[in-house]
Amino acid sequence: MSDLPFSSKHREQALIELHSIADWMRWCTTQMQEAEVYFGHGTDNPWDEAVALVLQALALPFDCPEMLYSTRITTTEKERILSFLSQRIESRKPLAYITNQAYFCGLPFYVDERVLVPRSPIGELIEDRFQNFINPNSVGSILDLCTGSGCIAIACAHYFENAFVLGSDISLDALDVAQLNLEQHGLDERVGFIESNLFERIPSDQPFDIIVSNPPYVDAEDLADMPKEYHQEPEIGLGSGVDGLDLTHQILAQAASYLSEEGVLIVEVGNSWPALQQAYPELEFNWISFERGGDGVFALTRKQLEEYFSSH
């Protein structure tokens, strides 16, 4: 680590010899690749990460015309890029925490270290309005358990314009961030947030057509072995017991009581899905395939849940 690109020599060389946006994208790509940073918070390779870093440092949109890549930038702008890159490499901070911005379902969200960086494949289901699991036009209410930044709840409100969405989380810090995002998107009339330990404070007198959850699901072994980037995130949003399923067991046991008659439960359990399948061998999980990648997300109907838990 003694020959980091942010030594005085490397820094001065970059400031003097790199001129265009493309120069800095290329150079940042090389630095991150050589530093072996981990990509898993919005991108999966050094080039895409470098493009995102440079464009955000310059306050340019992601759909910035490539013809602008050849334009020159000022010393102040170069310093900002170097600052972002320094944080990304030296502290292993995810880019979303550096810029305080992440995108989910094509929508911008404020994020910081109080919440996980949005990255759930459930976004693909929201954009498709869960149509493979329920009639979208019949959806009047949605519950987002473990809402974090509020990205799933707010995205659901965007795609279900006639639905009320309730997001819940045990973390007051996370709910503060969710509220910031709610104000940013101007959906106060159709989205609400509540502090709740799963279903503990969720009203059961008005059942939900969809319950969606991306709860903590990382098992203890995987949590210890995760790259440094993930250890920047709140552990309360990642770990869930030895097998990663402590919260999922509770969700399965209680969800039917909060679902409408034709309601559906959608839950992400990531790499813990084999352990979940083994724990409930007689429960016919509908494991969902994604066009844009991702796995470990299942769907179950209220009827399936009631039938299983009434006989076990």
C-alpha atoms as a PDB file:
ATOM      1  CA  MET A   1       0.000   0.000   0.000  1.00  0.00           C
ATOM      2  CA  SER A   2       3.052   2.270   0.070  1.00  0.00           C
ATOM      3  CA  ASP A   3       2.788   3.084  -3.641  1.00  0.00           C
ATOM      4  CA  LEU A   4      -0.797   4.341  -3.615  1.00  0.00           C
ATOM      5  CA  PRO A   5      -1.807   6.626  -6.495  1.00  0.00           C
ATOM      6  CA  PHE A   6      -2.467   9.363  -3.966  1.00  0.00           C
ATOM      7  CA  SER A   7       1.128   9.938  -2.987  1.00  0.00           C
ATOM      8  CA  SER A   8       2.311  13.468  -3.790  1.00  0.00           C
ATOM      9  CA  LYS A   9       4.086  12.197  -6.885  1.00  0.00           C
ATOM     10  CA  HIS A  10       1.074  10.414  -8.372  1.00  0.00           C
ATOM     11  CA  ARG A  11      -1.271  13.228  -7.442  1.00  0.00           C
ATOM     12  CA  GLU A  12       0.854  15.939  -9.056  1.00  0.00           C
ATOM     13  CA  GLN A  13       1.378  13.817 -12.156  1.00  0.00           C
ATOM     14  CA  ALA A  14      -2.369  13.252 -12.588  1.00  0.00           C
ATOM     15  CA  LEU A  15      -3.193  16.919 -12.066  1.00  0.00           C
ATOM     16  CA  ILE A  16      -0.628  18.007 -14.674  1.00  0.00           C
ATOM     17  CA  GLU A  17      -0.938  15.294 -17.322  1.00  0.00           C
ATOM     18  CA  LEU A  18      -4.641  14.354 -17.312  1.00  0.00           C
ATOM     19  CA  HIS A  19      -6.856  16.860 -19.084  1.00  0.00           C
ATOM     20  CA  SER A  20     -10.157  15.464 -20.365  1.00  0.00           C
ATOM     21  CA  ILE A  21     -13.071  13.659 -18.750  1.00  0.00           C
ATOM     22  CA  ALA A  22     -12.055  10.538 -20.686  1.00  0.00           C
ATOM     23  CA  ASP A  23      -8.474  10.829 -19.354  1.00  0.00           C
ATOM     24  CA  TRP A  24      -9.779  10.765 -15.789  1.00  0.00           C
ATOM     25  CA  MET A  25     -12.218   7.924 -16.416  1.00  0.00           C
ATOM     26  CA  ARG A  26      -9.426   5.808 -17.864  1.00  0.00           C
ATOM     27  CA  TRP A  27      -6.996   6.673 -15.070  1.00  0.00           C
ATOM     28  CA  CYS A  28      -9.529   6.059 -12.285  1.00  0.00           C
ATOM     29  CA  THR A  29     -10.330   2.680 -13.856  1.00  0.00           C
ATOM     30  CA  THR A  30      -6.667   1.689 -13.700  1.00  0.00           C
ATOM     31  CA  GLN A  31      -6.206   2.894 -10.125  1.00  0.00           C
ATOM     32  CA  MET A  32      -9.223   0.990  -8.804  1.00  0.00           C
ATOM     33  CA  GLN A  33      -8.272  -2.133 -10.684  1.00  0.00           C
ATOM     34  CA  GLU A  34      -4.719  -2.049  -9.331  1.00  0.00           C
ATOM     35  CA  ALA A  35      -5.982  -1.350  -5.808  1.00  0.00           C
ATOM     36  CA  GLU A  36      -8.352  -4.334  -6.090  1.00  0.00           C
ATOM     37  CA  VAL A  37     -11.367  -2.494  -4.719  1.00  0.00           C
ATOM     38  CA  TYR A  38     -14.590  -4.504  -4.612  1.00  0.00           C
ATOM     39  CA  PHE A  39     -17.521  -3.647  -6.849  1.00  0.00           C
ATOM     40  CA  GLY A  40     -20.957  -4.593  -5.581  1.00  0.00           C
ATOM     41  CA  HIS A  41     -22.857  -1.415  -4.745  1.00  0.00           C
ATOM     42  CA  GLY A  42     -24.254  -0.443  -8.119  1.00  0.00           C
ATOM     43  CA  THR A  43     -21.536  -1.537 -10.534  1.00  0.00           C
ATOM     44  CA  ASP A  44     -19.607  -4.755 -11.053  1.00  0.00           C
ATOM     45  CA  ASN A  45     -16.437  -3.576 -12.831  1.00  0.00           C
ATOM     46  CA  PRO A  46     -13.838  -0.792 -12.558  1.00  0.00           C
ATOM     47  CA  TRP A  47     -14.805   1.019 -15.776  1.00  0.00           C
ATOM     48  CA  ASP A  48     -18.465   1.482 -14.846  1.00  0.00           C
ATOM     49  CA  GLU A  49     -17.424   2.541 -11.360  1.00  0.00           C
ATOM     50  CA  ALA A  50     -14.937   5.062 -12.770  1.00  0.00           C
ATOM     51  CA  VAL A  51     -17.551   6.516 -15.134  1.00  0.00           C
ATOM     52  CA  ALA A  52     -20.020   6.884 -12.250  1.00  0.00           C
ATOM     53  CA  LEU A  53     -17.362   8.426  -9.993  1.00  0.00           C
ATOM     54  CA  VAL A  54     -16.119  10.981 -12.516  1.00  0.00           C
ATOM     55  CA  LEU A  55     -19.550  12.027 -13.762  1.00  0.00           C
ATOM     56  CA  GLN A  56     -20.856  12.535 -10.226  1.00  0.00           C
ATOM     57  CA  ALA A  57     -17.741  14.448  -9.213  1.00  0.00           C
ATOM     58  CA  LEU A  58     -18.428  16.772 -12.145  1.00  0.00           C
ATOM     59  CA  ALA A  59     -22.182  16.976 -11.420  1.00  0.00           C
ATOM     60  CA  LEU A  60     -22.941  15.492 -14.831  1.00  0.00           C
ATOM     61  CA  PRO A  61     -25.872  13.140 -15.530  1.00  0.00           C
ATOM     62  CA  PHE A  62     -25.318   9.438 -16.177  1.00  0.00           C
ATOM     63  CA  ASP A  63     -26.707   9.888 -19.693  1.00  0.00           C
ATOM     64  CA  CYS A  64     -24.133  12.574 -20.421  1.00  0.00           C
ATOM     65  CA  PRO A  65     -23.333  12.516 -24.188  1.00  0.00           C
ATOM     66  CA  GLU A  66     -20.059  10.717 -24.795  1.00  0.00           C
ATOM     67  CA  MET A  67     -18.945  13.548 -27.062  1.00  0.00           C
ATOM     68  CA  LEU A  68     -18.392  15.538 -23.865  1.00  0.00           C
ATOM     69  CA  TYR A  69     -15.861  12.997 -22.611  1.00  0.00           C
ATOM     70  CA  SER A  70     -13.179  14.747 -24.663  1.00  0.00           C
ATOM     71  CA  THR A  71     -13.738  18.116 -22.969  1.00  0.00           C
ATOM     72  CA  ARG A  72     -11.164  19.479 -20.545  1.00  0.00           C
ATOM     73  CA  ILE A  73     -11.821  20.044 -16.859  1.00  0.00           C
ATOM     74  CA  THR A  74     -10.538  22.545 -14.307  1.00  0.00           C
ATOM     75  CA  THR A  75      -8.025  21.952 -11.532  1.00  0.00           C
ATOM     76  CA  THR A  76     -10.796  22.280  -8.944  1.00  0.00           C
ATOM     77  CA  GLU A  77     -12.781  19.558 -10.726  1.00  0.00           C
ATOM     78  CA  LYS A  78      -9.697  17.348 -10.890  1.00  0.00           C
ATOM     79  CA  GLU A  79      -9.197  17.785  -7.137  1.00  0.00           C
ATOM     80  CA  ARG A  80     -12.778  16.692  -6.508  1.00  0.00           C
ATOM     81  CA  ILE A  81     -12.271  13.546  -8.598  1.00  0.00           C
ATOM     82  CA  LEU A  82      -9.084  12.795  -6.672  1.00  0.00           C
ATOM     83  CA  SER A  83     -10.945  13.259  -3.384  1.00  0.00           C
ATOM     84  CA  PHE A  84     -13.676  10.824  -4.424  1.00  0.00           C
ATOM     85  CA  LEU A  85     -11.150   8.289  -5.697  1.00  0.00           C
ATOM     86  CA  SER A  86      -9.037   8.590  -2.564  1.00  0.00           C
ATOM     87  CA  GLN A  87     -12.026   7.755  -0.360  1.00  0.00           C
ATOM     88  CA  ARG A  88     -13.056   4.913  -2.644  1.00  0.00           C
ATOM     89  CA  ILE A  89      -9.626   3.259  -2.555  1.00  0.00           C
ATOM     90  CA  GLU A  90      -8.105   4.139   0.814  1.00  0.00           C
ATOM     91  CA  SER A  91     -11.172   3.713   3.026  1.00  0.00           C
ATOM     92  CA  ARG A  92     -13.020   1.294   0.724  1.00  0.00           C
ATOM     93  CA  LYS A  93     -16.111   3.499   1.078  1.00  0.00           C
ATOM     94  CA  PRO A  94     -18.865   2.642  -1.440  1.00  0.00           C
ATOM     95  CA  LEU A  95     -19.288   5.374  -4.037  1.00  0.00           C
ATOM     96  CA  ALA A  96     -22.905   5.968  -2.990  1.00  0.00           C
ATOM     97  CA  TYR A  97     -21.703   7.048   0.470  1.00  0.00           C
ATOM     98  CA  ILE A  98     -19.176   9.416  -1.067  1.00  0.00           C
ATOM     99  CA  THR A  99     -21.730  11.092  -3.339  1.00  0.00           C
ATOM    100  CA  ASN A 100     -24.756  10.504  -1.073  1.00  0.00           C
ATOM    101  CA  GLN A 101     -26.684   9.278  -4.075  1.00  0.00           C
ATOM    102  CA  ALA A 102     -27.854   5.941  -5.432  1.00  0.00           C
ATOM    103  CA  TYR A 103     -30.360   4.923  -8.072  1.00  0.00           C
ATOM    104  CA  PHE A 104     -33.086   2.300  -7.695  1.00  0.00           C
ATOM    105  CA  CYS A 105     -35.770   1.597 -10.313  1.00  0.00           C
ATOM    106  CA  GLY A 106     -34.325   4.538 -12.221  1.00  0.00           C
ATOM    107  CA  LEU A 107     -35.062   6.886  -9.324  1.00  0.00           C
ATOM    108  CA  PRO A 108     -32.500   8.889  -7.294  1.00  0.00           C
ATOM    109  CA  PHE A 109     -32.190   8.314  -3.557  1.00  0.00           C
ATOM    110  CA  TYR A 110     -30.162   9.979  -0.828  1.00  0.00           C
ATOM    111  CA  VAL A 111     -28.042   7.451   1.078  1.00  0.00           C
ATOM    112  CA  ASP A 112     -25.415   7.555   3.803  1.00  0.00           C
ATOM    113  CA  GLU A 113     -23.895   5.162   6.325  1.00  0.00           C
ATOM    114  CA  ARG A 114     -27.190   4.869   8.217  1.00  0.00           C
ATOM    115  CA  VAL A 115     -28.684   2.675   5.491  1.00  0.00           C
ATOM    116  CA  LEU A 116     -27.651  -0.008   3.021  1.00  0.00           C
ATOM    117  CA  VAL A 117     -26.838   1.048  -0.523  1.00  0.00           C
ATOM    118  CA  PRO A 118     -29.896   0.126  -2.695  1.00  0.00           C
ATOM    119  CA  ARG A 119     -29.133  -2.837  -4.948  1.00  0.00           C
ATOM    120  CA  SER A 120     -31.977  -5.356  -4.625  1.00  0.00           C
ATOM    121  CA  PRO A 121     -33.141  -7.314  -7.702  1.00  0.00           C
ATOM    122  CA  ILE A 122     -36.647  -6.688  -6.352  1.00  0.00           C
ATOM    123  CA  GLY A 123     -36.418  -3.432  -8.307  1.00  0.00           C
ATOM    124  CA  GLU A 124     -36.982  -5.429 -11.492  1.00  0.00           C
ATOM    125  CA  LEU A 125     -40.210  -6.838 -10.047  1.00  0.00           C
ATOM    126  CA  ILE A 126     -41.418  -3.366  -9.064  1.00  0.00           C
ATOM    127  CA  GLU A 127     -40.793  -2.043 -12.568  1.00  0.00           C
ATOM    128  CA  ASP A 128     -42.859  -4.995 -13.838  1.00  0.00           C
ATOM    129  CA  ARG A 129     -45.534  -4.165 -11.221  1.00  0.00           C
ATOM    130  CA  PHE A 130     -45.316  -7.726  -9.776  1.00  0.00           C
ATOM    131  CA  GLN A 131     -47.614  -8.766 -12.607  1.00  0.00           C
ATOM    132  CA  ASN A 132     -46.521 -12.415 -12.551  1.00  0.00           C
ATOM    133  CA  PHE A 133     -47.808 -12.733  -8.999  1.00  0.00           C
ATOM    134  CA  ILE A 134     -50.826 -10.464  -8.684  1.00  0.00           C
ATOM    135  CA  ASN A 135     -53.148  -8.347 -10.816  1.00  0.00           C
ATOM    136  CA  PRO A 136     -51.414  -4.932 -10.637  1.00  0.00           C
ATOM    137  CA  ASN A 137     -54.702  -3.085 -11.113  1.00  0.00           C
ATOM    138  CA  SER A 138     -56.131  -4.676  -7.967  1.00  0.00           C
ATOM    139  CA  VAL A 139     -53.310  -3.500  -5.706  1.00  0.00           C
ATOM    140  CA  GLY A 140     -54.455  -0.868  -3.224  1.00  0.00           C
ATOM    141  CA  SER A 141     -51.929  -1.304  -0.416  1.00  0.00           C
ATOM    142  CA  ILE A 142     -48.306  -2.399  -0.080  1.00  0.00           C
ATOM    143  CA  LEU A 143     -46.151  -3.032   2.995  1.00  0.00           C
ATOM    144  CA  ASP A 144     -42.358  -2.755   2.778  1.00  0.00           C
ATOM    145  CA  LEU A 145     -40.780  -4.459   5.789  1.00  0.00           C
ATOM    146  CA  CYS A 146     -37.205  -3.410   6.660  1.00  0.00           C
ATOM    147  CA  THR A 147     -37.497  -0.374   4.398  1.00  0.00           C
ATOM    148  CA  GLY A 148     -34.046   1.117   5.092  1.00  0.00           C
ATOM    149  CA  SER A 149     -33.619   4.126   2.799  1.00  0.00           C
ATOM    150  CA  GLY A 150     -37.241   3.758   1.716  1.00  0.00           C
ATOM    151  CA  CYS A 151     -36.224   2.975  -1.865  1.00  0.00           C
ATOM    152  CA  ILE A 152     -38.510  -0.056  -2.272  1.00  0.00           C
ATOM    153  CA  ALA A 153     -41.516   1.685  -0.693  1.00  0.00           C
ATOM    154  CA  ILE A 154     -41.069   4.865  -2.723  1.00  0.00           C
ATOM    155  CA  ALA A 155     -40.443   2.965  -5.968  1.00  0.00           C
ATOM    156  CA  CYS A 156     -43.624   0.947  -5.350  1.00  0.00           C
ATOM    157  CA  ALA A 157     -45.570   4.193  -4.953  1.00  0.00           C
ATOM    158  CA  HIS A 158     -44.200   5.413  -8.288  1.00  0.00           C
ATOM    159  CA  TYR A 159     -45.262   2.258 -10.108  1.00  0.00           C
ATOM    160  CA  PHE A 160     -48.581   1.789  -8.284  1.00  0.00           C
ATOM    161  CA  GLU A 161     -50.116   5.228  -8.545  1.00  0.00           C
ATOM    162  CA  ASN A 162     -53.357   4.235  -6.785  1.00  0.00           C
ATOM    163  CA  ALA A 163     -51.801   2.338  -3.884  1.00  0.00           C
ATOM    164  CA  PHE A 164     -50.935   3.380  -0.348  1.00  0.00           C
ATOM    165  CA  VAL A 165     -47.492   2.180   0.733  1.00  0.00           C
ATOM    166  CA  LEU A 166     -46.312   1.697   4.310  1.00  0.00           C
ATOM    167  CA  GLY A 167     -42.626   1.234   5.036  1.00  0.00           C
ATOM    168  CA  SER A 168     -41.338  -0.004   8.385  1.00  0.00           C
ATOM    169  CA  ASP A 169     -37.952  -0.380  10.013  1.00  0.00           C
ATOM    170  CA  ILE A 170     -36.571  -0.986  13.494  1.00  0.00           C
ATOM    171  CA  SER A 171     -33.849   1.631  12.934  1.00  0.00           C
ATOM    172  CA  LEU A 172     -34.765   5.243  13.653  1.00  0.00           C
ATOM    173  CA  ASP A 173     -31.624   6.307  11.793  1.00  0.00           C
ATOM    174  CA  ALA A 174     -32.812   4.471   8.685  1.00  0.00           C
ATOM    175  CA  LEU A 175     -36.269   6.013   8.994  1.00  0.00           C
ATOM    176  CA  ASP A 176     -34.706   9.484   9.091  1.00  0.00           C
ATOM    177  CA  VAL A 177     -33.088   8.748   5.724  1.00  0.00           C
ATOM    178  CA  ALA A 178     -36.330   7.292   4.365  1.00  0.00           C
ATOM    179  CA  GLN A 179     -38.152  10.462   5.363  1.00  0.00           C
ATOM    180  CA  LEU A 180     -35.589  12.573   3.505  1.00  0.00           C
ATOM    181  CA  ASN A 181     -36.218  10.506   0.403  1.00  0.00           C
ATOM    182  CA  LEU A 182     -39.967  10.730   0.829  1.00  0.00           C
ATOM    183  CA  GLU A 183     -39.773  14.517   0.923  1.00  0.00           C
ATOM    184  CA  GLN A 184     -37.486  14.498  -2.119  1.00  0.00           C
ATOM    185  CA  HIS A 185     -40.018  12.491  -4.131  1.00  0.00           C
ATOM    186  CA  GLY A 186     -43.075  14.349  -2.889  1.00  0.00           C
ATOM    187  CA  LEU A 187     -45.156  11.278  -2.090  1.00  0.00           C
ATOM    188  CA  ASP A 188     -46.239  12.175   1.444  1.00  0.00           C
ATOM    189  CA  GLU A 189     -49.912  11.579   0.661  1.00  0.00           C
ATOM    190  CA  ARG A 190     -49.437   7.941  -0.388  1.00  0.00           C
ATOM    191  CA  VAL A 191     -46.365   6.757   1.517  1.00  0.00           C
ATOM    192  CA  GLY A 192     -45.868   6.536   5.265  1.00  0.00           C
ATOM    193  CA  PHE A 193     -43.078   5.193   7.466  1.00  0.00           C
ATOM    194  CA  ILE A 194     -43.338   3.623  10.904  1.00  0.00           C
ATOM    195  CA  GLU A 195     -40.876   2.317  13.480  1.00  0.00           C
ATOM    196  CA  SER A 196     -41.598  -1.364  13.947  1.00  0.00           C
ATOM    197  CA  ASN A 197     -39.776  -4.597  14.690  1.00  0.00           C
ATOM    198  CA  LEU A 198     -41.175  -6.490  11.695  1.00  0.00           C
ATOM    199  CA  PHE A 199     -44.958  -6.782  12.235  1.00  0.00           C
ATOM    200  CA  GLU A 200     -44.925  -5.625  15.869  1.00  0.00           C
ATOM    201  CA  ARG A 201     -46.564  -2.233  15.244  1.00  0.00           C
ATOM    202  CA  ILE A 202     -48.152  -2.903  11.847  1.00  0.00           C
ATOM    203  CA  PRO A 203     -51.951  -2.551  11.887  1.00  0.00           C
ATOM    204  CA  SER A 204     -53.655  -5.827  10.977  1.00  0.00           C
ATOM    205  CA  ASP A 205     -57.180  -4.487  10.472  1.00  0.00           C
ATOM    206  CA  GLN A 206     -56.442  -3.348   6.905  1.00  0.00           C
ATOM    207  CA  PRO A 207     -54.535  -6.153   5.150  1.00  0.00           C
ATOM    208  CA  PHE A 208     -51.991  -5.525   2.397  1.00  0.00           C
ATOM    209  CA  ASP A 209     -52.174  -6.789  -1.167  1.00  0.00           C
ATOM    210  CA  ILE A 210     -48.398  -7.051  -1.368  1.00  0.00           C
ATOM    211  CA  ILE A 211     -45.870  -7.471   1.434  1.00  0.00           C
ATOM    212  CA  VAL A 212     -42.345  -7.004   0.113  1.00  0.00           C
ATOM    213  CA  SER A 213     -39.196  -7.291   2.180  1.00  0.00           C
ATOM    214  CA  ASN A 214     -35.441  -7.175   1.736  1.00  0.00           C
ATOM    215  CA  PRO A 215     -34.567  -8.027   5.351  1.00  0.00           C
ATOM    216  CA  PRO A 216     -31.109  -8.703   6.783  1.00  0.00           C
ATOM    217  CA  TYR A 217     -30.182 -12.194   5.544  1.00  0.00           C
ATOM    218  CA  VAL A 218     -26.392 -12.600   5.653  1.00  0.00           C
ATOM    219  CA  ASP A 219     -25.264 -15.568   7.740  1.00  0.00           C
ATOM    220  CA  ALA A 220     -22.575 -15.160  10.379  1.00  0.00           C
ATOM    221  CA  GLU A 221     -19.801 -16.780   8.335  1.00  0.00           C
ATOM    222  CA  ASP A 222     -20.467 -14.728   5.205  1.00  0.00           C
ATOM    223  CA  LEU A 223     -20.770 -11.548   7.252  1.00  0.00           C
ATOM    224  CA  ALA A 224     -17.291 -12.039   8.684  1.00  0.00           C
ATOM    225  CA  ASP A 225     -15.833 -12.722   5.237  1.00  0.00           C
ATOM    226  CA  MET A 226     -17.456  -9.853   3.352  1.00  0.00           C
ATOM    227  CA  PRO A 227     -15.223  -7.326   1.536  1.00  0.00           C
ATOM    228  CA  LYS A 228     -14.348  -4.122   3.390  1.00  0.00           C
ATOM    229  CA  GLU A 229     -16.878  -2.154   1.350  1.00  0.00           C
ATOM    230  CA  TYR A 230     -19.755  -4.012   3.021  1.00  0.00           C
ATOM    231  CA  HIS A 231     -18.381  -3.340   6.498  1.00  0.00           C
ATOM    232  CA  GLN A 232     -19.009   0.352   5.832  1.00  0.00           C
ATOM    233  CA  GLU A 233     -22.734  -0.453   5.893  1.00  0.00           C
ATOM    234  CA  PRO A 234     -24.811  -0.811   9.095  1.00  0.00           C
ATOM    235  CA  GLU A 235     -24.462  -4.371  10.359  1.00  0.00           C
ATOM    236  CA  ILE A 236     -28.075  -4.306  11.562  1.00  0.00           C
ATOM    237  CA  GLY A 237     -29.084  -4.217   7.899  1.00  0.00           C
ATOM    238  CA  LEU A 238     -26.983  -7.216   6.906  1.00  0.00           C
ATOM    239  CA  GLY A 239     -26.676  -9.953   9.530  1.00  0.00           C
ATOM    240  CA  SER A 240     -29.515 -12.161  10.761  1.00  0.00           C
ATOM    241  CA  GLY A 241     -28.202 -14.949  12.937  1.00  0.00           C
ATOM    242  CA  VAL A 242     -26.080 -18.004  12.259  1.00  0.00           C
ATOM    243  CA  ASP A 243     -27.945 -19.044   9.114  1.00  0.00           C
ATOM    244  CA  GLY A 244     -29.041 -15.541   8.080  1.00  0.00           C
ATOM    245  CA  LEU A 245     -32.705 -16.400   8.463  1.00  0.00           C
ATOM    246  CA  ASP A 246     -33.744 -15.225  11.933  1.00  0.00           C
ATOM    247  CA  LEU A 247     -35.973 -12.461  10.568  1.00  0.00           C
ATOM    248  CA  THR A 248     -37.225 -14.466   7.592  1.00  0.00           C
ATOM    249  CA  HIS A 249     -38.581 -17.181   9.887  1.00  0.00           C
ATOM    250  CA  GLN A 250     -40.630 -14.535  11.681  1.00  0.00           C
ATOM    251  CA  ILE A 251     -41.878 -12.990   8.450  1.00  0.00           C
ATOM    252  CA  LEU A 252     -43.057 -16.354   7.136  1.00  0.00           C
ATOM    253  CA  ALA A 253     -44.846 -17.211  10.367  1.00  0.00           C
ATOM    254  CA  GLN A 254     -46.754 -13.922  10.584  1.00  0.00           C
ATOM    255  CA  ALA A 255     -47.246 -12.610   7.038  1.00  0.00           C
ATOM    256  CA  ALA A 256     -50.555 -14.353   6.282  1.00  0.00           C
ATOM    257  CA  SER A 257     -52.302 -12.384   9.036  1.00  0.00           C
ATOM    258  CA  TYR A 258     -51.405  -9.145   7.256  1.00  0.00           C
ATOM    259  CA  LEU A 259     -52.150 -10.172   3.666  1.00  0.00           C
ATOM    260  CA  SER A 260     -55.402  -9.662   1.773  1.00  0.00           C
ATOM    261  CA  GLU A 261     -57.211 -12.722   0.448  1.00  0.00           C
ATOM    262  CA  GLU A 262     -55.333 -12.676  -2.869  1.00  0.00           C
ATOM    263  CA  GLY A 263     -52.235 -11.128  -1.331  1.00  0.00           C
ATOM    264  CA  VAL A 264     -48.651 -12.123  -2.036  1.00  0.00           C
ATOM    265  CA  LEU A 265     -45.427 -12.093  -0.016  1.00  0.00           C
ATOM    266  CA  ILE A 266     -42.147 -11.240  -1.791  1.00  0.00           C
ATOM    267  CA  VAL A 267     -38.916 -11.676   0.201  1.00  0.00           C
ATOM    268  CA  GLU A 268     -35.221 -11.540  -0.657  1.00  0.00           C
ATOM    269  CA  VAL A 269     -32.910 -13.929   1.201  1.00  0.00           C
ATOM    270  CA  GLY A 270     -29.888 -13.849  -1.125  1.00  0.00           C
ATOM    271  CA  ASN A 271     -27.322 -16.593  -0.618  1.00  0.00           C
ATOM    272  CA  SER A 272     -29.288 -17.938   2.343  1.00  0.00           C
ATOM    273  CA  TRP A 273     -31.916 -19.438   0.035  1.00  0.00           C
ATOM    274  CA  PRO A 274     -30.584 -23.046   0.227  1.00  0.00           C
ATOM    275  CA  ALA A 275     -30.802 -22.911   4.031  1.00  0.00           C
ATOM    276  CA  LEU A 276     -34.359 -21.577   3.800  1.00  0.00           C
ATOM    277  CA  GLN A 277     -35.389 -24.280   1.339  1.00  0.00           C
ATOM    278  CA  GLN A 278     -33.922 -26.907   3.652  1.00  0.00           C
ATOM    279  CA  ALA A 279     -35.765 -25.468   6.664  1.00  0.00           C
ATOM    280  CA  TYR A 280     -39.142 -25.655   4.888  1.00  0.00           C
ATOM    281  CA  PRO A 281     -38.934 -28.676   2.546  1.00  0.00           C
ATOM    282  CA  GLU A 282     -42.726 -28.905   2.187  1.00  0.00           C
ATOM    283  CA  LEU A 283     -43.293 -25.224   1.419  1.00  0.00           C
ATOM    284  CA  GLU A 284     -43.394 -24.633  -2.343  1.00  0.00           C
ATOM    285  CA  PHE A 285     -41.356 -21.463  -2.677  1.00  0.00           C
ATOM    286  CA  ASN A 286     -41.665 -19.694  -6.011  1.00  0.00           C
ATOM    287  CA  TRP A 287     -38.024 -18.774  -6.622  1.00  0.00           C
ATOM    288  CA  ILE A 288     -37.905 -15.872  -9.051  1.00  0.00           C
ATOM    289  CA  SER A 289     -35.619 -15.558 -12.085  1.00  0.00           C
ATOM    290  CA  PHE A 290     -34.338 -12.114 -13.079  1.00  0.00           C
ATOM    291  CA  GLU A 291     -33.384 -10.812 -16.496  1.00  0.00           C
ATOM    292  CA  ARG A 292     -30.797  -8.402 -15.058  1.00  0.00           C
ATOM    293  CA  GLY A 293     -29.237 -10.828 -12.590  1.00  0.00           C
ATOM    294  CA  GLY A 294     -29.842 -11.683  -8.956  1.00  0.00           C
ATOM    295  CA  ASP A 295     -31.384 -14.586  -7.107  1.00  0.00           C
ATOM    296  CA  GLY A 296     -32.618 -15.654  -3.696  1.00  0.00           C
ATOM    297  CA  VAL A 297     -36.014 -13.925  -3.976  1.00  0.00           C
ATOM    298  CA  PHE A 298     -39.203 -15.915  -3.430  1.00  0.00           C
ATOM    299  CA  ALA A 299     -42.938 -15.339  -3.723  1.00  0.00           C
ATOM    300  CA  LEU A 300     -45.654 -17.015  -1.646  1.00  0.00           C
ATOM    301  CA  THR A 301     -49.405 -16.427  -1.561  1.00  0.00           C
ATOM    302  CA  ARG A 302     -51.469 -15.974   1.571  1.00  0.00           C
ATOM    303  CA  LYS A 303     -53.169 -19.289   0.799  1.00  0.00           C
ATOM    304  CA  GLN A 304     -49.832 -21.128   0.660  1.00  0.00           C
ATOM    305  CA  LEU A 305     -48.731 -19.643   3.969  1.00  0.00           C
ATOM    306  CA  GLU A 306     -52.006 -20.441   5.713  1.00  0.00           C
ATOM    307  CA  GLU A 307     -52.052 -24.013   4.473  1.00  0.00           C
ATOM    308  CA  TYR A 308     -48.466 -24.648   5.512  1.00  0.00           C
ATOM    309  CA  PHE A 309     -48.572 -23.130   8.983  1.00  0.00           C
ATOM    310  CA  SER A 310     -51.995 -24.581   9.813  1.00  0.00           C
ATOM    311  CA  SER A 311     -50.508 -28.053   9.390  1.00  0.00           C
ATOM    312  CA  HIS A 312     -47.142 -27.449  11.073  1.00  0.00           C
END
